[in-house]
C-alpha atoms as a PDB file:
ATOM      1  CA  UNK A   1      34.573  -7.151  32.645  1.00  0.00           C
ATOM      2  CA  UNK A   2      36.912  -6.990  35.805  1.00  0.00           C
ATOM      3  CA  UNK A   3      38.185  -4.011  37.581  1.00  0.00           C
ATOM      4  CA  UNK A   4      41.706  -6.052  36.563  1.00  0.00           C
ATOM      5  CA  UNK A   5      40.334  -5.871  32.914  1.00  0.00           C
ATOM      6  CA  UNK A   6      39.480  -2.239  32.775  1.00  0.00           C
ATOM      7  CA  UNK A   7      42.756  -1.133  34.602  1.00  0.00           C
ATOM      8  CA  UNK A   8      44.518  -2.699  31.560  1.00  0.00           C
ATOM      9  CA  UNK A   9      42.691  -1.283  28.912  1.00  0.00           C
ATOM     10  CA  UNK A  10      43.366   2.176  30.607  1.00  0.00           C
ATOM     11  CA  UNK A  11      46.959   1.682  31.062  1.00  0.00           C
ATOM     12  CA  UNK A  12      47.339   0.163  27.539  1.00  0.00           C
ATOM     13  CA  UNK A  13      45.561   3.661  26.074  1.00  0.00           C
ATOM     14  CA  UNK A  14      47.693   6.066  28.131  1.00  0.00           C
ATOM     15  CA  UNK A  15      50.816   4.475  25.684  1.00  0.00           C
ATOM     16  CA  UNK A  16      49.047   5.202  22.478  1.00  0.00           C
ATOM     17  CA  UNK A  17      49.999   8.448  20.453  1.00  0.00           C
ATOM     18  CA  UNK A  18      46.908  10.199  20.041  1.00  0.00           C
ATOM     19  CA  UNK A  19      44.635  10.675  23.605  1.00  0.00           C
ATOM     20  CA  UNK A  20      41.970  13.155  23.439  1.00  0.00           C
ATOM     21  CA  UNK A  21      42.177  16.498  25.220  1.00  0.00           C
ATOM     22  CA  UNK A  22      39.792  16.630  27.382  1.00  0.00           C
ATOM     23  CA  UNK A  23      37.919  19.322  29.484  1.00  0.00           C
ATOM     24  CA  UNK A  24      35.518  18.494  32.413  1.00  0.00           C
ATOM     25  CA  UNK A  25      33.541  21.201  33.661  1.00  0.00           C
ATOM     26  CA  UNK A  26      31.575  21.271  36.763  1.00  0.00           C
ATOM     27  CA  UNK A  27      32.029  21.119  40.718  1.00  0.00           C
ATOM     28  CA  UNK A  28      32.003  19.835  44.038  1.00  0.00           C
ATOM     29  CA  UNK A  29      31.939  15.433  44.269  1.00  0.00           C
ATOM     30  CA  UNK A  30      30.041  15.536  40.580  1.00  0.00           C
ATOM     31  CA  UNK A  31      33.316  17.052  38.966  1.00  0.00           C
ATOM     32  CA  UNK A  32      35.252  15.253  41.601  1.00  0.00           C
ATOM     33  CA  UNK A  33      33.837  11.417  40.214  1.00  0.00           C
ATOM     34  CA  UNK A  34      33.928  12.208  36.612  1.00  0.00           C
ATOM     35  CA  UNK A  35      37.949  13.467  36.933  1.00  0.00           C
ATOM     36  CA  UNK A  36      38.723  10.106  38.345  1.00  0.00           C
ATOM     37  CA  UNK A  37      36.958   8.397  35.933  1.00  0.00           C
ATOM     38  CA  UNK A  38      38.705  10.723  32.721  1.00  0.00           C
ATOM     39  CA  UNK A  39      41.927  10.731  34.176  1.00  0.00           C
ATOM     40  CA  UNK A  40      42.228   6.654  33.506  1.00  0.00           C
ATOM     41  CA  UNK A  41      41.144   7.520  30.110  1.00  0.00           C
ATOM     42  CA  UNK A  42      43.130  10.496  28.681  1.00  0.00           C
ATOM     43  CA  UNK A  43      46.472  12.371  30.374  1.00  0.00           C
ATOM     44  CA  UNK A  44      45.589  15.705  28.755  1.00  0.00           C
ATOM     45  CA  UNK A  45      42.852  16.613  31.217  1.00  0.00           C
ATOM     46  CA  UNK A  46      41.974  20.066  32.561  1.00  0.00           C
ATOM     47  CA  UNK A  47      39.042  20.844  35.060  1.00  0.00           C
ATOM     48  CA  UNK A  48      37.309  24.055  35.080  1.00  0.00           C
ATOM     49  CA  UNK A  49      35.577  24.729  38.006  1.00  0.00           C
ATOM     50  CA  UNK A  50      32.787  26.656  39.515  1.00  0.00           C
ATOM     51  CA  UNK A  51      33.690  29.452  42.026  1.00  0.00           C
ATOM     52  CA  UNK A  52      30.613  30.327  43.323  1.00  0.00           C
ATOM     53  CA  UNK A  53      30.487  28.368  47.035  1.00  0.00           C
ATOM     54  CA  UNK A  54      29.804  30.687  49.709  1.00  0.00           C
ATOM     55  CA  UNK A  55      29.666  28.088  53.040  1.00  0.00           C
ATOM     56  CA  UNK A  56      31.568  26.246  54.965  1.00  0.00           C
ATOM     57  CA  UNK A  57      35.338  26.464  55.073  1.00  0.00           C
ATOM     58  CA  UNK A  58      35.178  28.015  51.527  1.00  0.00           C
ATOM     59  CA  UNK A  59      32.707  30.794  52.366  1.00  0.00           C
ATOM     60  CA  UNK A  60      34.589  31.762  55.638  1.00  0.00           C
ATOM     61  CA  UNK A  61      37.958  32.455  53.491  1.00  0.00           C
ATOM     62  CA  UNK A  62      36.094  34.060  50.353  1.00  0.00           C
ATOM     63  CA  UNK A  63      34.659  36.541  53.420  1.00  0.00           C
ATOM     64  CA  UNK A  64      37.814  37.432  55.134  1.00  0.00           C
ATOM     65  CA  UNK A  65      40.184  37.079  52.503  1.00  0.00           C
ATOM     66  CA  UNK A  66      38.563  38.465  49.475  1.00  0.00           C
ATOM     67  CA  UNK A  67      39.649  35.511  47.481  1.00  0.00           C
ATOM     68  CA  UNK A  68      37.860  32.824  45.208  1.00  0.00           C
ATOM     69  CA  UNK A  69      36.381  29.570  47.108  1.00  0.00           C
ATOM     70  CA  UNK A  70      38.847  27.259  47.016  1.00  0.00           C
ATOM     71  CA  UNK A  71      36.753  24.245  48.318  1.00  0.00           C
ATOM     72  CA  UNK A  72      35.561  23.016  44.632  1.00  0.00           C
ATOM     73  CA  UNK A  73      39.000  23.608  43.424  1.00  0.00           C
ATOM     74  CA  UNK A  74      40.568  21.758  46.052  1.00  0.00           C
ATOM     75  CA  UNK A  75      38.154  18.578  45.111  1.00  0.00           C
ATOM     76  CA  UNK A  76      39.166  18.628  41.909  1.00  0.00           C
ATOM     77  CA  UNK A  77      42.845  18.650  42.283  1.00  0.00           C
ATOM     78  CA  UNK A  78      42.579  15.973  45.206  1.00  0.00           C
ATOM     79  CA  UNK A  79      40.155  13.733  42.295  1.00  0.00           C
ATOM     80  CA  UNK A  80      43.252  14.147  39.848  1.00  0.00           C
ATOM     81  CA  UNK A  81      45.759  12.458  42.399  1.00  0.00           C
ATOM     82  CA  UNK A  82      46.905   9.368  40.992  1.00  0.00           C
ATOM     83  CA  UNK A  83      45.893   5.911  42.635  1.00  0.00           C
ATOM     84  CA  UNK A  84      49.491   4.998  43.866  1.00  0.00           C
ATOM     85  CA  UNK A  85      50.255   5.469  47.154  1.00  0.00           C
ATOM     86  CA  UNK A  86      51.953   8.933  47.149  1.00  0.00           C
ATOM     87  CA  UNK A  87      48.421  10.170  45.168  1.00  0.00           C
ATOM     88  CA  UNK A  88      46.278   8.780  47.693  1.00  0.00           C
ATOM     89  CA  UNK A  89      47.852  10.052  50.659  1.00  0.00           C
ATOM     90  CA  UNK A  90      48.254  13.701  49.317  1.00  0.00           C
ATOM     91  CA  UNK A  91      44.339  13.114  48.038  1.00  0.00           C
ATOM     92  CA  UNK A  92      43.689  12.707  52.053  1.00  0.00           C
ATOM     93  CA  UNK A  93      45.966  15.268  53.431  1.00  0.00           C
ATOM     94  CA  UNK A  94      44.207  17.943  50.826  1.00  0.00           C
ATOM     95  CA  UNK A  95      40.993  16.637  51.973  1.00  0.00           C
ATOM     96  CA  UNK A  96      41.553  16.606  56.019  1.00  0.00           C
ATOM     97  CA  UNK A  97      39.510  19.068  57.986  1.00  0.00           C
ATOM     98  CA  UNK A  98      40.658  20.117  61.148  1.00  0.00           C
ATOM     99  CA  UNK A  99      38.614  19.777  64.238  1.00  0.00           C
ATOM    100  CA  UNK A 100      38.583  22.033  67.132  1.00  0.00           C
ATOM    101  CA  UNK A 101      36.831  24.695  69.210  1.00  0.00           C
ATOM    102  CA  UNK A 102      38.660  27.211  67.282  1.00  0.00           C
ATOM    103  CA  UNK A 103      38.871  29.259  64.337  1.00  0.00           C
ATOM    104  CA  UNK A 104      40.273  26.403  62.429  1.00  0.00           C
ATOM    105  CA  UNK A 105      37.251  24.552  62.821  1.00  0.00           C
ATOM    106  CA  UNK A 106      36.177  22.904  59.455  1.00  0.00           C
ATOM    107  CA  UNK A 107      39.052  24.018  57.872  1.00  0.00           C
ATOM    108  CA  UNK A 108      40.480  21.521  54.579  1.00  0.00           C
ATOM    109  CA  UNK A 109      44.026  21.673  54.785  1.00  0.00           C
ATOM    110  CA  UNK A 110      44.059  21.921  51.197  1.00  0.00           C
ATOM    111  CA  UNK A 111      41.368  25.119  50.931  1.00  0.00           C
ATOM    112  CA  UNK A 112      44.545  26.833  53.334  1.00  0.00           C
ATOM    113  CA  UNK A 113      47.435  25.491  51.282  1.00  0.00           C
ATOM    114  CA  UNK A 114      45.722  26.945  48.051  1.00  0.00           C
ATOM    115  CA  UNK A 115      44.816  30.402  49.523  1.00  0.00           C
ATOM    116  CA  UNK A 116      48.257  30.726  50.881  1.00  0.00           C
ATOM    117  CA  UNK A 117      49.503  30.120  48.069  1.00  0.00           C
ATOM    118  CA  UNK A 118      47.328  32.446  46.178  1.00  0.00           C
ATOM    119  CA  UNK A 119      48.394  35.345  48.687  1.00  0.00           C
ATOM    120  CA  UNK A 120      51.840  34.343  48.104  1.00  0.00           C
ATOM    121  CA  UNK A 121      51.903  34.375  44.207  1.00  0.00           C
ATOM    122  CA  UNK A 122      48.902  36.748  43.743  1.00  0.00           C
ATOM    123  CA  UNK A 123      47.862  34.805  40.648  1.00  0.00           C
ATOM    124  CA  UNK A 124      44.986  32.202  41.263  1.00  0.00           C
ATOM    125  CA  UNK A 125      45.844  29.879  38.155  1.00  0.00           C
ATOM    126  CA  UNK A 126      49.720  29.904  39.115  1.00  0.00           C
ATOM    127  CA  UNK A 127      48.617  29.265  42.956  1.00  0.00           C
ATOM    128  CA  UNK A 128      46.436  25.942  41.370  1.00  0.00           C
ATOM    129  CA  UNK A 129      49.403  24.999  38.933  1.00  0.00           C
ATOM    130  CA  UNK A 130      51.796  25.283  41.902  1.00  0.00           C
ATOM    131  CA  UNK A 131      49.767  22.479  43.679  1.00  0.00           C
ATOM    132  CA  UNK A 132      49.010  20.409  41.191  1.00  0.00           C
ATOM    133  CA  UNK A 133      52.734  19.809  40.029  1.00  0.00           C
ATOM    134  CA  UNK A 134      53.050  19.295  44.143  1.00  0.00           C
ATOM    135  CA  UNK A 135      50.551  16.871  44.197  1.00  0.00           C
ATOM    136  CA  UNK A 136      51.447  15.069  40.770  1.00  0.00           C
ATOM    137  CA  UNK A 137      48.084  15.718  39.495  1.00  0.00           C
ATOM    138  CA  UNK A 138      47.129  14.260  36.737  1.00  0.00           C
ATOM    139  CA  UNK A 139      45.699  17.100  34.713  1.00  0.00           C
ATOM    140  CA  UNK A 140      45.048  20.712  35.625  1.00  0.00           C
ATOM    141  CA  UNK A 141      42.232  22.421  37.635  1.00  0.00           C
ATOM    142  CA  UNK A 142      41.469  26.173  36.676  1.00  0.00           C
ATOM    143  CA  UNK A 143      38.504  28.618  37.928  1.00  0.00           C
ATOM    144  CA  UNK A 144      35.695  29.197  35.515  1.00  0.00           C
ATOM    145  CA  UNK A 145      35.740  32.878  36.467  1.00  0.00           C
ATOM    146  CA  UNK A 146      38.695  35.297  37.706  1.00  0.00           C
ATOM    147  CA  UNK A 147      36.583  36.776  40.593  1.00  0.00           C
ATOM    148  CA  UNK A 148      34.004  34.827  43.085  1.00  0.00           C
ATOM    149  CA  UNK A 149      30.523  34.675  41.911  1.00  0.00           C
ATOM    150  CA  UNK A 150      27.203  34.629  43.550  1.00  0.00           C
ATOM    151  CA  UNK A 151      24.130  32.443  42.748  1.00  0.00           C
ATOM    152  CA  UNK A 152      20.775  34.048  42.695  1.00  0.00           C
ATOM    153  CA  UNK A 153      17.684  31.472  41.837  1.00  0.00           C
ATOM    154  CA  UNK A 154      13.710  31.850  40.995  1.00  0.00           C
ATOM    155  CA  UNK A 155      11.904  29.233  43.241  1.00  0.00           C
ATOM    156  CA  UNK A 156       8.551  28.296  43.742  1.00  0.00           C
ATOM    157  CA  UNK A 157       6.447  26.441  46.671  1.00  0.00           C
ATOM    158  CA  UNK A 158       8.760  28.175  49.864  1.00  0.00           C
ATOM    159  CA  UNK A 159       5.535  29.026  51.282  1.00  0.00           C
ATOM    160  CA  UNK A 160       3.036  26.354  52.058  1.00  0.00           C
ATOM    161  CA  UNK A 161       0.352  28.644  52.061  1.00  0.00           C
ATOM    162  CA  UNK A 162       1.289  30.519  48.405  1.00  0.00           C
ATOM    163  CA  UNK A 163       2.798  27.085  46.637  1.00  0.00           C
ATOM    164  CA  UNK A 164       2.631  29.025  43.155  1.00  0.00           C
ATOM    165  CA  UNK A 165       4.415  32.118  44.783  1.00  0.00           C
ATOM    166  CA  UNK A 166       7.682  32.647  43.254  1.00  0.00           C
ATOM    167  CA  UNK A 167      10.860  33.842  45.370  1.00  0.00           C
ATOM    168  CA  UNK A 168      14.388  34.754  44.599  1.00  0.00           C
ATOM    169  CA  UNK A 169      17.011  33.135  46.894  1.00  0.00           C
ATOM    170  CA  UNK A 170      20.666  34.233  46.953  1.00  0.00           C
ATOM    171  CA  UNK A 171      24.117  32.382  47.796  1.00  0.00           C
ATOM    172  CA  UNK A 172      25.141  28.468  46.537  1.00  0.00           C
ATOM    173  CA  UNK A 173      24.730  27.019  49.980  1.00  0.00           C
ATOM    174  CA  UNK A 174      20.874  28.288  50.229  1.00  0.00           C
ATOM    175  CA  UNK A 175      20.099  27.451  46.875  1.00  0.00           C
ATOM    176  CA  UNK A 176      21.556  23.722  47.151  1.00  0.00           C
ATOM    177  CA  UNK A 177      19.480  23.132  50.456  1.00  0.00           C
ATOM    178  CA  UNK A 178      15.950  24.992  49.523  1.00  0.00           C
ATOM    179  CA  UNK A 179      12.958  23.015  50.021  1.00  0.00           C
ATOM    180  CA  UNK A 180      11.463  24.813  46.779  1.00  0.00           C
ATOM    181  CA  UNK A 181      11.306  24.000  43.371  1.00  0.00           C
ATOM    182  CA  UNK A 182      14.447  26.240  41.575  1.00  0.00           C
ATOM    183  CA  UNK A 183      13.153  27.340  38.502  1.00  0.00           C
ATOM    184  CA  UNK A 184      16.268  29.078  36.806  1.00  0.00           C
ATOM    185  CA  UNK A 185      19.194  30.684  38.397  1.00  0.00           C
ATOM    186  CA  UNK A 186      21.655  33.802  37.569  1.00  0.00           C
ATOM    187  CA  UNK A 187      24.956  34.883  38.298  1.00  0.00           C
ATOM    188  CA  UNK A 188      26.136  37.927  40.138  1.00  0.00           C
ATOM    189  CA  UNK A 189      27.778  39.859  38.356  1.00  0.00           C
ATOM    190  CA  UNK A 190      25.680  38.802  35.491  1.00  0.00           C
ATOM    191  CA  UNK A 191      28.992  39.190  32.901  1.00  0.00           C
ATOM    192  CA  UNK A 192      31.762  38.163  34.901  1.00  0.00           C
ATOM    193  CA  UNK A 193      35.243  37.609  33.404  1.00  0.00           C
ATOM    194  CA  UNK A 194      36.142  34.306  32.506  1.00  0.00           C
ATOM    195  CA  UNK A 195      39.503  32.589  33.364  1.00  0.00           C
ATOM    196  CA  UNK A 196      41.476  32.993  30.033  1.00  0.00           C
ATOM    197  CA  UNK A 197      42.945  29.833  30.624  1.00  0.00           C
ATOM    198  CA  UNK A 198      39.777  28.303  30.790  1.00  0.00           C
ATOM    199  CA  UNK A 199      39.121  29.936  27.646  1.00  0.00           C
ATOM    200  CA  UNK A 200      41.588  28.617  25.604  1.00  0.00           C
ATOM    201  CA  UNK A 201      41.628  25.184  26.989  1.00  0.00           C
ATOM    202  CA  UNK A 202      38.096  24.813  25.734  1.00  0.00           C
ATOM    203  CA  UNK A 203      39.068  26.003  22.419  1.00  0.00           C
ATOM    204  CA  UNK A 204      41.915  24.128  22.255  1.00  0.00           C
ATOM    205  CA  UNK A 205      40.008  20.647  23.303  1.00  0.00           C
ATOM    206  CA  UNK A 206      39.140  17.305  21.685  1.00  0.00           C
ATOM    207  CA  UNK A 207      35.885  16.981  24.162  1.00  0.00           C
ATOM    208  CA  UNK A 208      34.403  18.664  26.585  1.00  0.00           C
ATOM    209  CA  UNK A 209      32.057  17.427  29.589  1.00  0.00           C
ATOM    210  CA  UNK A 210      29.285  19.074  31.280  1.00  0.00           C
ATOM    211  CA  UNK A 211      28.009  16.764  34.074  1.00  0.00           C
ATOM    212  CA  UNK A 212      27.445  14.777  36.724  1.00  0.00           C
ATOM    213  CA  UNK A 213      26.824  17.186  39.534  1.00  0.00           C
ATOM    214  CA  UNK A 214      24.287  19.455  41.382  1.00  0.00           C
ATOM    215  CA  UNK A 215      22.394  21.458  37.926  1.00  0.00           C
ATOM    216  CA  UNK A 216      21.804  24.763  39.325  1.00  0.00           C
ATOM    217  CA  UNK A 217      24.818  25.355  41.436  1.00  0.00           C
ATOM    218  CA  UNK A 218      27.078  22.913  39.739  1.00  0.00           C
ATOM    219  CA  UNK A 219      26.656  22.764  35.719  1.00  0.00           C
ATOM    220  CA  UNK A 220      24.395  25.645  34.466  1.00  0.00           C
ATOM    221  CA  UNK A 221      26.484  27.784  36.325  1.00  0.00           C
ATOM    222  CA  UNK A 222      29.145  27.585  33.165  1.00  0.00           C
ATOM    223  CA  UNK A 223      26.892  28.183  30.723  1.00  0.00           C
ATOM    224  CA  UNK A 224      25.894  31.437  32.153  1.00  0.00           C
ATOM    225  CA  UNK A 225      29.866  33.207  32.183  1.00  0.00           C
ATOM    226  CA  UNK A 226      29.260  34.914  28.574  1.00  0.00           C
ATOM    227  CA  UNK A 227      32.826  34.306  27.420  1.00  0.00           C
ATOM    228  CA  UNK A 228      32.838  31.226  28.957  1.00  0.00           C
ATOM    229  CA  UNK A 229      29.402  29.866  26.712  1.00  0.00           C
ATOM    230  CA  UNK A 230      30.706  31.743  23.642  1.00  0.00           C
ATOM    231  CA  UNK A 231      33.643  29.240  24.080  1.00  0.00           C
ATOM    232  CA  UNK A 232      31.517  26.387  24.291  1.00  0.00           C
ATOM    233  CA  UNK A 233      29.780  26.802  21.558  1.00  0.00           C
ATOM    234  CA  UNK A 234      32.130  28.233  19.160  1.00  0.00           C
ATOM    235  CA  UNK A 235      34.869  25.242  20.102  1.00  0.00           C
ATOM    236  CA  UNK A 236      35.240  22.184  17.905  1.00  0.00           C
ATOM    237  CA  UNK A 237      35.519  19.948  20.690  1.00  0.00           C
ATOM    238  CA  UNK A 238      32.865  17.378  20.793  1.00  0.00           C
ATOM    239  CA  UNK A 239      30.083  17.688  23.914  1.00  0.00           C
ATOM    240  CA  UNK A 240      29.239  15.168  26.169  1.00  0.00           C
ATOM    241  CA  UNK A 241      26.534  15.418  29.006  1.00  0.00           C
ATOM    242  CA  UNK A 242      26.678  13.101  31.438  1.00  0.00           C
ATOM    243  CA  UNK A 243      23.297  13.180  33.794  1.00  0.00           C
ATOM    244  CA  UNK A 244      23.104  12.401  37.424  1.00  0.00           C
ATOM    245  CA  UNK A 245      22.262   8.848  38.525  1.00  0.00           C
ATOM    246  CA  UNK A 246      18.853   9.791  39.742  1.00  0.00           C
ATOM    247  CA  UNK A 247      16.458  13.197  40.641  1.00  0.00           C
ATOM    248  CA  UNK A 248      17.730  14.762  43.984  1.00  0.00           C
ATOM    249  CA  UNK A 249      18.745  17.892  45.816  1.00  0.00           C
ATOM    250  CA  UNK A 250      18.128  20.667  43.498  1.00  0.00           C
ATOM    251  CA  UNK A 251      16.285  18.874  40.918  1.00  0.00           C
ATOM    252  CA  UNK A 252      14.032  16.393  43.423  1.00  0.00           C
ATOM    253  CA  UNK A 253      11.601  14.930  41.313  1.00  0.00           C
ATOM    254  CA  UNK A 254      12.682  15.841  38.093  1.00  0.00           C
ATOM    255  CA  UNK A 255      13.014  13.508  34.765  1.00  0.00           C
ATOM    256  CA  UNK A 256      16.285  13.343  33.257  1.00  0.00           C
ATOM    257  CA  UNK A 257      14.700  14.825  30.626  1.00  0.00           C
ATOM    258  CA  UNK A 258      13.614  18.017  32.467  1.00  0.00           C
ATOM    259  CA  UNK A 259      17.244  18.219  33.115  1.00  0.00           C
ATOM    260  CA  UNK A 260      18.139  18.759  29.402  1.00  0.00           C
ATOM    261  CA  UNK A 261      15.473  21.311  29.383  1.00  0.00           C
ATOM    262  CA  UNK A 262      16.978  23.097  32.193  1.00  0.00           C
ATOM    263  CA  UNK A 263      20.169  23.712  30.241  1.00  0.00           C
ATOM    264  CA  UNK A 264      18.776  24.625  26.806  1.00  0.00           C
ATOM    265  CA  UNK A 265      16.527  27.183  28.856  1.00  0.00           C
ATOM    266  CA  UNK A 266      19.480  28.805  30.314  1.00  0.00           C
ATOM    267  CA  UNK A 267      21.593  28.216  27.424  1.00  0.00           C
ATOM    268  CA  UNK A 268      19.442  28.199  24.322  1.00  0.00           C
ATOM    269  CA  UNK A 269      22.342  28.082  21.593  1.00  0.00           C
ATOM    270  CA  UNK A 270      23.609  24.932  23.444  1.00  0.00           C
ATOM    271  CA  UNK A 271      24.664  21.667  21.403  1.00  0.00           C
ATOM    272  CA  UNK A 272      25.215  18.416  22.286  1.00  0.00           C
ATOM    273  CA  UNK A 273      27.129  15.307  21.161  1.00  0.00           C
ATOM    274  CA  UNK A 274      26.116  12.853  23.361  1.00  0.00           C
ATOM    275  CA  UNK A 275      24.244  12.377  26.568  1.00  0.00           C
ATOM    276  CA  UNK A 276      25.308   9.592  28.633  1.00  0.00           C
ATOM    277  CA  UNK A 277      22.969   8.122  31.278  1.00  0.00           C
ATOM    278  CA  UNK A 278      22.793   5.456  33.611  1.00  0.00           C
ATOM    279  CA  UNK A 279      20.512   2.974  32.539  1.00  0.00           C
ATOM    280  CA  UNK A 280      18.134   2.859  35.773  1.00  0.00           C
ATOM    281  CA  UNK A 281      17.643   7.013  35.031  1.00  0.00           C
ATOM    282  CA  UNK A 282      17.266   6.692  31.522  1.00  0.00           C
ATOM    283  CA  UNK A 283      14.822   3.666  31.681  1.00  0.00           C
ATOM    284  CA  UNK A 284      11.971   5.879  33.852  1.00  0.00           C
ATOM    285  CA  UNK A 285      12.111   8.457  30.880  1.00  0.00           C
ATOM    286  CA  UNK A 286      10.180   7.502  27.326  1.00  0.00           C
ATOM    287  CA  UNK A 287      11.226  10.876  26.374  1.00  0.00           C
ATOM    288  CA  UNK A 288      15.223  11.490  26.948  1.00  0.00           C
ATOM    289  CA  UNK A 289      16.175  10.150  23.626  1.00  0.00           C
ATOM    290  CA  UNK A 290      13.944  12.452  21.890  1.00  0.00           C
ATOM    291  CA  UNK A 291      15.373  15.495  24.116  1.00  0.00           C
ATOM    292  CA  UNK A 292      18.755  14.934  23.635  1.00  0.00           C
ATOM    293  CA  UNK A 293      18.123  14.639  20.189  1.00  0.00           C
ATOM    294  CA  UNK A 294      16.597  17.932  19.985  1.00  0.00           C
ATOM    295  CA  UNK A 295      19.957  19.445  21.377  1.00  0.00           C
ATOM    296  CA  UNK A 296      22.092  17.533  18.263  1.00  0.00           C
ATOM    297  CA  UNK A 297      22.976  14.433  21.097  1.00  0.00           C
ATOM    298  CA  UNK A 298      22.832  10.834  20.528  1.00  0.00           C
ATOM    299  CA  UNK A 299      21.639   8.749  23.682  1.00  0.00           C
ATOM    300  CA  UNK A 300      23.973   6.546  25.659  1.00  0.00           C
ATOM    301  CA  UNK A 301      22.975   4.579  28.089  1.00  0.00           C
ATOM    302  CA  UNK A 302      25.101   2.240  30.456  1.00  0.00           C
ATOM    303  CA  UNK A 303      25.039   0.541  33.659  1.00  0.00           C
ATOM    304  CA  UNK A 304      27.183   3.628  35.564  1.00  0.00           C
ATOM    305  CA  UNK A 305      25.858   2.881  39.308  1.00  0.00           C
ATOM    306  CA  UNK A 306      27.920   1.769  42.302  1.00  0.00           C
ATOM    307  CA  UNK A 307      27.546  -1.622  42.727  1.00  0.00           C
ATOM    308  CA  UNK A 308      26.656  -0.931  46.372  1.00  0.00           C
ATOM    309  CA  UNK A 309      23.192  -0.033  45.577  1.00  0.00           C
ATOM    310  CA  UNK A 310      24.137   3.885  46.580  1.00  0.00           C
ATOM    311  CA  UNK A 311      23.578   7.128  44.157  1.00  0.00           C
ATOM    312  CA  UNK A 312      26.958   7.200  43.006  1.00  0.00           C
ATOM    313  CA  UNK A 313      28.572   6.774  39.927  1.00  0.00           C
ATOM    314  CA  UNK A 314      31.179   4.141  39.812  1.00  0.00           C
ATOM    315  CA  UNK A 315      34.433   5.226  39.152  1.00  0.00           C
ATOM    316  CA  UNK A 316      35.859   2.323  36.760  1.00  0.00           C
ATOM    317  CA  UNK A 317      32.111   1.698  34.791  1.00  0.00           C
ATOM    318  CA  UNK A 318      32.096   5.307  34.078  1.00  0.00           C
ATOM    319  CA  UNK A 319      35.523   5.302  33.153  1.00  0.00           C
ATOM    320  CA  UNK A 320      34.809   2.575  30.227  1.00  0.00           C
ATOM    321  CA  UNK A 321      31.669   4.650  29.215  1.00  0.00           C
ATOM    322  CA  UNK A 322      33.977   7.706  28.829  1.00  0.00           C
ATOM    323  CA  UNK A 323      36.292   5.242  26.831  1.00  0.00           C
ATOM    324  CA  UNK A 324      33.847   3.846  24.334  1.00  0.00           C
ATOM    325  CA  UNK A 325      32.583   7.485  23.653  1.00  0.00           C
ATOM    326  CA  UNK A 326      35.990   8.823  23.105  1.00  0.00           C
ATOM    327  CA  UNK A 327      37.041   6.045  21.139  1.00  0.00           C
ATOM    328  CA  UNK A 328      40.317   5.421  23.150  1.00  0.00           C
END
């Protein structure tokens, strides 16, 4: 099916009266690609975003202004910009970073805009909603918690001379680039206040989507916010888990089934309806279907990879898979 055919399908579906309400969880590039696909399928879309980033521009603003880290929220807003000239221009502006020898170096314009509105309005959600209106975003962006969070991970293999020793590393930036094998993660504070708006969105959704993204720092943290995890368990919405294209970064060397096991380890009550996997990743794991079934999910396998051979989801292929699963 050509890109033009897919675009026609998505345009036609947007005219229908029964488009599903979808909530997508994650952070960073993984959530961005999922949102870019989902906004082609429904116009009732909310992103719930991790707030544990402590590196780069976000980390600097977080420490200086004692605010939520804005970077993953900015990326989600950029992903929800439309494909017309205005939308693409605003997305590029949000993502633009200063390059200088001074204190503005590497700050993204979008980060400064977001935290400026937070200071002006005194309400993170109101600030994000105002940015979304300014951009003409095709959905809403919410933080998963009302306070900035820290991630701590138990890791083995950091010391080559003690390969079985368990170490604890702290901070999203450190966990994301560790050379050890991450076994588990936890949040600090351990019982953070969930964003009330995010709870409402989950309970009102028809579908919720977890992943793709960095497993330990973008996907699993949502399941560690108690009230948010309770809402994910209690909602009548159906649940999709979208797997990454390949094991890399935090989960290098892990099978597709292992990714599901890690979710179950951190959230034993989690139940799923669909596990969506790329055909390349799924073909390497004979245990994937049974592991999905153990959480109540059917396995959907599709060709989701970008055509250039890079380890990225193709936005239109992913949108087509979501459209079929959501029945639009």
